Amino acid sequence: MATEPLSRAVPNEVRDFAERSVEQARKAFGSFLVVVNAAIEGEAPSSAENSGVSARLSRLALGFAERNVQGAFALAQDMVHATEVSQLLDLQREFLETQMKALKSQMRTLEGSRVDKEKKDQG
C-alpha cells in the first residue's frame, strides 16, 4: 500500500467523510471564535486604558490562533484530495515551513506588543 496510489487505496466514501468532517470542524471553530471575540469585547474594564491594551493583545493572539488553525484546516483539506503518498509528504513539509515562518513572526509581534504594554504601564 505504501507505493499504491492513494486514489485506489482510499475509498471515495472515506474521502467524502473526511472532507465533510473537516468542513464541520471548520464551522465549529468559527462559531467558537465568534463567542471568544464577544467575550473579549465584553470584558469588564478595570481601567479603560489597560482594558483596551489587554483587549488588543487578546484580539491579536486570537487572530494568530485563527490563522494557525485555518492553516491546519487547509492542510487537512489538501490531504483529503492527495492522490499519492509523495503529495502528502510535500503538503506536510510545506505546511511546516509556512507555520514555522508564521510562528516566528507572531512571536516577534507579540513580544513587541508586550514590551509596548510594559512601557505604557511604567510611564
Protein backbone atom coordinates (compact mmCIF):
# COMPACT_ATOMS: atom_id res chain seq x y z
CA MET A 1 0.00 0.00 0.00
CA ALA A 2 2.94 2.38 0.58
CA THR A 3 3.57 2.52 -3.16
CA GLU A 4 -0.05 2.17 -4.21
CA PRO A 5 -1.63 5.45 -5.34
CA LEU A 6 -3.91 6.85 -2.68
CA SER A 7 -6.65 7.27 -5.24
CA ARG A 8 -7.02 3.47 -5.24
CA ALA A 9 -6.10 2.81 -1.60
CA VAL A 10 -8.53 5.31 -0.05
CA PRO A 11 -12.17 4.76 -0.99
CA ASN A 12 -14.16 7.78 -2.16
CA GLU A 13 -16.56 7.29 0.76
CA VAL A 14 -13.69 7.77 3.21
CA ARG A 15 -12.51 10.89 1.37
CA ASP A 16 -16.05 12.30 1.34
CA PHE A 17 -16.46 11.63 5.05
CA ALA A 18 -13.09 13.24 5.83
CA GLU A 19 -13.94 16.29 3.72
CA ARG A 20 -17.29 16.74 5.48
CA SER A 21 -15.61 16.30 8.87
CA VAL A 22 -13.00 18.96 8.10
CA GLU A 23 -15.71 21.37 6.99
CA GLN A 24 -17.79 20.64 10.08
CA ALA A 25 -14.77 21.25 12.32
CA ARG A 26 -14.02 24.48 10.46
CA LYS A 27 -17.57 25.72 11.07
CA ALA A 28 -17.45 24.72 14.75
CA PHE A 29 -14.18 26.57 15.21
CA GLY A 30 -15.65 29.62 13.51
CA SER A 31 -18.53 29.58 16.00
CA PHE A 32 -16.05 29.24 18.85
CA LEU A 33 -14.15 32.29 17.61
CA VAL A 34 -17.34 34.35 17.50
CA VAL A 35 -18.01 33.53 21.15
CA VAL A 36 -14.42 34.23 22.21
CA ASN A 37 -14.39 37.56 20.35
CA ALA A 38 -17.63 38.53 22.07
CA ALA A 39 -16.09 37.63 25.43
CA ILE A 40 -13.04 39.78 24.70
CA GLU A 41 -15.23 42.72 23.74
CA GLY A 42 -17.43 42.26 26.79
CA GLU A 43 -14.67 42.12 29.42
CA ALA A 44 -15.31 44.44 32.35
CA PRO A 45 -12.80 47.26 32.17
CA SER A 46 -10.64 47.67 35.27
CA SER A 47 -9.23 50.80 33.70
CA ALA A 48 -10.12 51.97 30.22
CA GLU A 49 -6.51 52.14 29.05
CA ASN A 50 -5.43 48.77 30.47
CA SER A 51 -8.59 47.13 29.23
CA GLY A 52 -8.02 48.49 25.74
CA VAL A 53 -4.43 47.24 25.63
CA SER A 54 -5.43 43.84 27.04
CA ALA A 55 -8.29 43.51 24.55
CA ARG A 56 -5.96 44.47 21.69
CA LEU A 57 -3.41 41.84 22.77
CA SER A 58 -6.16 39.26 23.18
CA ARG A 59 -7.52 40.00 19.70
CA LEU A 60 -4.00 39.84 18.26
CA ALA A 61 -3.30 36.46 19.88
CA LEU A 62 -6.71 35.16 18.85
CA GLY A 63 -6.10 36.29 15.27
CA PHE A 64 -2.82 34.40 15.24
CA ALA A 65 -4.51 31.29 16.62
CA GLU A 66 -7.24 31.59 14.00
CA ARG A 67 -4.71 31.81 11.16
CA ASN A 68 -2.77 28.84 12.54
CA VAL A 69 -5.88 26.67 12.85
CA GLN A 70 -7.14 27.74 9.42
CA GLY A 71 -3.77 26.67 8.01
CA ALA A 72 -4.24 23.27 9.64
CA PHE A 73 -7.73 23.01 8.14
CA ALA A 74 -6.32 23.88 4.71
CA LEU A 75 -3.68 21.17 5.14
CA ALA A 76 -6.35 18.64 6.10
CA GLN A 77 -8.47 19.64 3.10
CA ASP A 78 -5.49 19.30 0.74
CA MET A 79 -4.55 15.94 2.24
CA VAL A 80 -8.04 14.61 1.59
CA HIS A 81 -7.51 15.30 -2.12
CA ALA A 82 -3.96 13.91 -2.34
CA THR A 83 -3.60 11.03 -4.75
CA GLU A 84 -0.02 9.98 -3.93
CA VAL A 85 1.90 9.48 -0.70
CA SER A 86 4.57 11.85 -2.04
CA GLN A 87 1.90 14.57 -2.22
CA LEU A 88 1.10 14.02 1.46
CA LEU A 89 4.76 14.41 2.35
CA ASP A 90 5.09 17.57 0.23
CA LEU A 91 1.95 19.05 1.78
CA GLN A 92 3.22 18.35 5.29
CA ARG A 93 6.65 19.83 4.52
CA GLU A 94 5.14 22.98 3.00
CA PHE A 95 2.74 23.34 5.93
CA LEU A 96 5.52 23.03 8.49
CA GLU A 97 7.74 25.53 6.66
CA THR A 98 4.89 28.03 6.43
CA GLN A 99 3.89 27.51 10.06
CA MET A 100 7.43 27.96 11.33
CA LYS A 101 7.74 31.29 9.49
CA ALA A 102 4.34 32.40 10.74
CA LEU A 103 5.09 31.39 14.34
CA LYS A 104 8.39 33.28 14.34
CA SER A 105 6.64 36.38 13.02
CA GLN A 106 3.82 36.02 15.54
CA MET A 107 6.27 35.67 18.42
CA ARG A 108 8.10 38.84 17.35
CA THR A 109 4.81 40.72 17.11
CA LEU A 110 3.57 39.50 20.49
CA GLU A 111 6.90 40.26 22.13
CA GLY A 112 6.84 43.78 20.68
CA SER A 113 3.30 44.29 21.93
CA ARG A 114 4.23 43.00 25.38
CA VAL A 115 7.19 45.38 25.59
CA ASP A 116 4.99 48.28 24.46
CA LYS A 117 2.44 47.40 27.16
CA GLU A 118 5.15 47.28 29.84
CA LYS A 119 6.45 50.69 28.75
CA LYS A 120 2.92 52.13 28.98
CA ASP A 121 2.44 50.57 32.41
CA GLN A 122 5.69 52.10 33.66
CA GLY A 123 5.27 55.51 32.03
